[in-house]
Amino acid sequence: MARGPADPEVKAKVLEYLAKVQKAKSRDVAVAIGATKSDVDNAVKELTAEDLVEYLYITTTFICLKGKVQTPD
């Protein structure tokens, strides 16, 4: 089932939270901003498409602001 567009308020809160931390898991972001994980996942998907957020795969999946964390080569 396709989801609609992400809530702009959730997107703004995700960006605000990620500006305060180096990296985070989606569920931790959801708890911190008081949103559901599915709403955060939808927001992150759009923010990734907008090139504002990126996924990090370091033993598990994290999200961070684009370019904020340097991954080992």
N, C-alpha and C. Protein backbone atom coordinates (compact mmCIF):
# COMPACT_ATOMS: atom_id res chain seq x y z
N MET A 1 0.84 -1.18 0.00
CA MET A 1 0.00 0.00 0.00
C MET A 1 0.89 1.24 0.00
N ALA A 2 0.70 2.09 -0.96
CA ALA A 2 1.52 3.29 -1.09
C ALA A 2 1.11 4.33 -0.05
N ARG A 3 2.09 4.99 0.49
CA ARG A 3 1.84 6.06 1.45
C ARG A 3 1.81 7.39 0.71
N GLY A 4 1.10 8.33 1.27
CA GLY A 4 1.05 9.66 0.69
C GLY A 4 2.32 10.43 1.01
N PRO A 5 2.35 11.70 0.66
CA PRO A 5 3.52 12.52 0.95
C PRO A 5 3.75 12.63 2.46
N ALA A 6 5.00 12.80 2.82
CA ALA A 6 5.36 12.94 4.24
C ALA A 6 4.84 14.26 4.79
N ASP A 7 4.52 14.24 6.07
CA ASP A 7 4.07 15.43 6.77
C ASP A 7 5.24 16.42 6.84
N PRO A 8 5.08 17.64 6.33
CA PRO A 8 6.17 18.62 6.36
C PRO A 8 6.67 18.90 7.78
N GLU A 9 5.78 18.84 8.76
CA GLU A 9 6.18 19.07 10.15
C GLU A 9 7.12 17.96 10.63
N VAL A 10 6.83 16.72 10.27
CA VAL A 10 7.70 15.59 10.65
C VAL A 10 9.05 15.74 9.95
N LYS A 11 9.04 16.12 8.68
CA LYS A 11 10.30 16.31 7.96
C LYS A 11 11.15 17.38 8.64
N ALA A 12 10.53 18.48 9.04
CA ALA A 12 11.26 19.56 9.71
C ALA A 12 11.83 19.08 11.04
N LYS A 13 11.04 18.32 11.79
CA LYS A 13 11.51 17.81 13.08
C LYS A 13 12.66 16.82 12.91
N VAL A 14 12.59 15.99 11.86
CA VAL A 14 13.68 15.05 11.59
C VAL A 14 14.97 15.82 11.31
N LEU A 15 14.90 16.82 10.46
CA LEU A 15 16.09 17.62 10.14
C LEU A 15 16.63 18.32 11.38
N GLU A 16 15.74 18.87 12.18
CA GLU A 16 16.16 19.56 13.41
C GLU A 16 16.86 18.59 14.36
N TYR A 17 16.29 17.40 14.52
CA TYR A 17 16.90 16.42 15.42
C TYR A 17 18.25 15.95 14.89
N LEU A 18 18.32 15.66 13.60
CA LEU A 18 19.59 15.19 13.02
C LEU A 18 20.68 16.25 13.07
N ALA A 19 20.31 17.52 13.13
CA ALA A 19 21.31 18.58 13.27
C ALA A 19 21.96 18.54 14.64
N LYS A 20 21.28 17.95 15.63
CA LYS A 20 21.78 17.91 17.01
C LYS A 20 22.63 16.68 17.30
N VAL A 21 22.53 15.64 16.47
CA VAL A 21 23.26 14.39 16.71
C VAL A 21 24.14 14.07 15.51
N GLN A 22 25.10 13.17 15.72
CA GLN A 22 25.96 12.79 14.59
C GLN A 22 25.21 11.84 13.66
N LYS A 23 24.57 10.83 14.25
CA LYS A 23 23.79 9.87 13.47
C LYS A 23 22.76 9.27 14.40
N ALA A 24 21.72 8.68 13.83
CA ALA A 24 20.65 8.11 14.66
C ALA A 24 19.93 7.03 13.88
N LYS A 25 19.26 6.16 14.61
CA LYS A 25 18.39 5.16 14.01
C LYS A 25 17.00 5.79 13.86
N SER A 26 16.26 5.34 12.88
CA SER A 26 14.93 5.89 12.63
C SER A 26 14.03 5.78 13.85
N ARG A 27 14.08 4.66 14.55
CA ARG A 27 13.20 4.50 15.72
C ARG A 27 13.57 5.46 16.83
N ASP A 28 14.87 5.78 16.98
CA ASP A 28 15.30 6.74 17.99
C ASP A 28 14.83 8.15 17.63
N VAL A 29 14.86 8.47 16.34
CA VAL A 29 14.36 9.77 15.89
C VAL A 29 12.87 9.86 16.19
N ALA A 30 12.14 8.79 15.89
CA ALA A 30 10.70 8.78 16.12
C ALA A 30 10.37 9.04 17.58
N VAL A 31 11.08 8.37 18.49
CA VAL A 31 10.85 8.58 19.93
C VAL A 31 11.18 10.01 20.32
N ALA A 32 12.30 10.52 19.83
CA ALA A 32 12.76 11.86 20.20
C ALA A 32 11.82 12.97 19.74
N ILE A 33 11.20 12.78 18.57
CA ILE A 33 10.35 13.85 18.05
C ILE A 33 8.86 13.58 18.28
N GLY A 34 8.55 12.44 18.88
CA GLY A 34 7.15 12.12 19.18
C GLY A 34 6.32 11.76 17.97
N ALA A 35 6.93 11.06 17.02
CA ALA A 35 6.22 10.63 15.81
C ALA A 35 6.28 9.11 15.72
N THR A 36 5.49 8.55 14.83
CA THR A 36 5.57 7.11 14.61
C THR A 36 6.77 6.80 13.74
N LYS A 37 7.31 5.58 13.86
CA LYS A 37 8.45 5.20 13.06
C LYS A 37 8.10 5.22 11.57
N SER A 38 6.88 4.80 11.24
CA SER A 38 6.50 4.80 9.82
C SER A 38 6.45 6.22 9.26
N ASP A 39 6.02 7.20 10.07
CA ASP A 39 6.03 8.59 9.61
C ASP A 39 7.45 9.10 9.43
N VAL A 40 8.35 8.71 10.35
CA VAL A 40 9.76 9.10 10.22
C VAL A 40 10.37 8.45 8.99
N ASP A 41 10.10 7.16 8.79
CA ASP A 41 10.63 6.47 7.61
C ASP A 41 10.17 7.14 6.32
N ASN A 42 8.91 7.54 6.27
CA ASN A 42 8.38 8.21 5.09
C ASN A 42 9.07 9.57 4.89
N ALA A 43 9.27 10.30 5.98
CA ALA A 43 9.94 11.60 5.90
C ALA A 43 11.39 11.43 5.45
N VAL A 44 12.08 10.44 6.02
CA VAL A 44 13.48 10.19 5.66
C VAL A 44 13.59 9.80 4.18
N LYS A 45 12.65 9.01 3.72
CA LYS A 45 12.66 8.62 2.30
C LYS A 45 12.61 9.86 1.41
N GLU A 46 11.73 10.79 1.73
CA GLU A 46 11.63 12.02 0.94
C GLU A 46 12.87 12.90 1.11
N LEU A 47 13.36 13.01 2.35
CA LEU A 47 14.55 13.84 2.60
C LEU A 47 15.78 13.27 1.89
N THR A 48 15.84 11.95 1.76
CA THR A 48 16.93 11.32 1.02
C THR A 48 16.81 11.67 -0.46
N ALA A 49 15.60 11.61 -0.99
CA ALA A 49 15.38 11.96 -2.40
C ALA A 49 15.71 13.44 -2.66
N GLU A 50 15.53 14.28 -1.63
CA GLU A 50 15.84 15.70 -1.74
C GLU A 50 17.33 15.97 -1.48
N ASP A 51 18.10 14.90 -1.22
CA ASP A 51 19.55 14.98 -0.99
C ASP A 51 19.91 15.75 0.29
N LEU A 52 19.05 15.66 1.30
CA LEU A 52 19.30 16.33 2.57
C LEU A 52 19.74 15.35 3.66
N VAL A 53 19.37 14.10 3.50
CA VAL A 53 19.66 13.06 4.48
C VAL A 53 20.24 11.88 3.74
N GLU A 54 21.11 11.12 4.42
CA GLU A 54 21.65 9.92 3.79
C GLU A 54 21.61 8.77 4.77
N TYR A 55 21.61 7.57 4.23
CA TYR A 55 21.66 6.36 5.04
C TYR A 55 23.13 5.99 5.23
N LEU A 56 23.45 5.53 6.42
CA LEU A 56 24.79 5.02 6.73
C LEU A 56 24.66 3.55 7.06
N TYR A 57 25.49 2.74 6.49
CA TYR A 57 25.46 1.31 6.77
C TYR A 57 26.75 0.96 7.50
N ILE A 58 26.71 1.03 8.83
CA ILE A 58 27.87 0.75 9.68
C ILE A 58 27.42 -0.31 10.68
N THR A 59 27.54 -1.55 10.31
CA THR A 59 27.05 -2.71 11.06
C THR A 59 25.54 -2.73 11.21
N THR A 60 24.91 -1.61 11.13
CA THR A 60 23.46 -1.47 11.12
C THR A 60 23.15 -0.19 10.36
N THR A 61 21.90 0.11 10.14
CA THR A 61 21.54 1.28 9.35
C THR A 61 21.25 2.49 10.24
N PHE A 62 21.94 3.58 9.95
CA PHE A 62 21.72 4.86 10.62
C PHE A 62 21.31 5.87 9.57
N ILE A 63 20.80 7.01 10.03
CA ILE A 63 20.56 8.14 9.14
C ILE A 63 21.29 9.35 9.70
N CYS A 64 21.67 10.27 8.83
CA CYS A 64 22.34 11.49 9.26
C CYS A 64 22.12 12.56 8.21
N LEU A 65 22.43 13.79 8.55
CA LEU A 65 22.38 14.86 7.55
C LEU A 65 23.42 14.57 6.50
N LYS A 66 23.11 14.86 5.28
CA LYS A 66 24.00 14.59 4.16
C LYS A 66 25.37 15.22 4.41
N GLY A 67 26.43 14.40 4.34
CA GLY A 67 27.80 14.88 4.48
C GLY A 67 28.26 15.11 5.91
N LYS A 68 27.41 14.88 6.91
CA LYS A 68 27.79 15.14 8.30
C LYS A 68 28.75 14.10 8.85
N VAL A 69 28.62 12.87 8.42
CA VAL A 69 29.46 11.78 8.92
C VAL A 69 30.31 11.24 7.79
N GLN A 70 31.60 11.13 8.02
CA GLN A 70 32.50 10.55 7.04
C GLN A 70 32.61 9.06 7.32
N THR A 71 32.31 8.25 6.33
CA THR A 71 32.40 6.81 6.50
C THR A 71 33.78 6.33 6.10
N PRO A 72 34.26 5.27 6.75
CA PRO A 72 35.58 4.75 6.37
C PRO A 72 35.54 4.15 4.96
N ASP A 73 36.60 4.35 4.21
CA ASP A 73 36.65 3.83 2.83
C ASP A 73 37.01 2.37 2.82
